[in-house]
């Protein structure tokens, strides 16, 4: 049985989440990048995290009021 032209041109939409809640759109997006682009993306996020950690290490967090009195 041959598929109609409509079936080939209008495939069913891909699911956004797997059965266990994994965001498949992020996986598809990451796989659409080249390996070099993926590496660059992750290196930029690592650098941002390192900067935040440095900023947090230099500042003292405000103390939270004691709820017991």
Foldseek 3Di string as FASTA:
>chain_A
DDDDPVCVVDPDDDDQADPVGHGVVVVVVLVVDDPVVNVVVVVVVVVVVVVVVVVPVPDDDDDDDDPVD
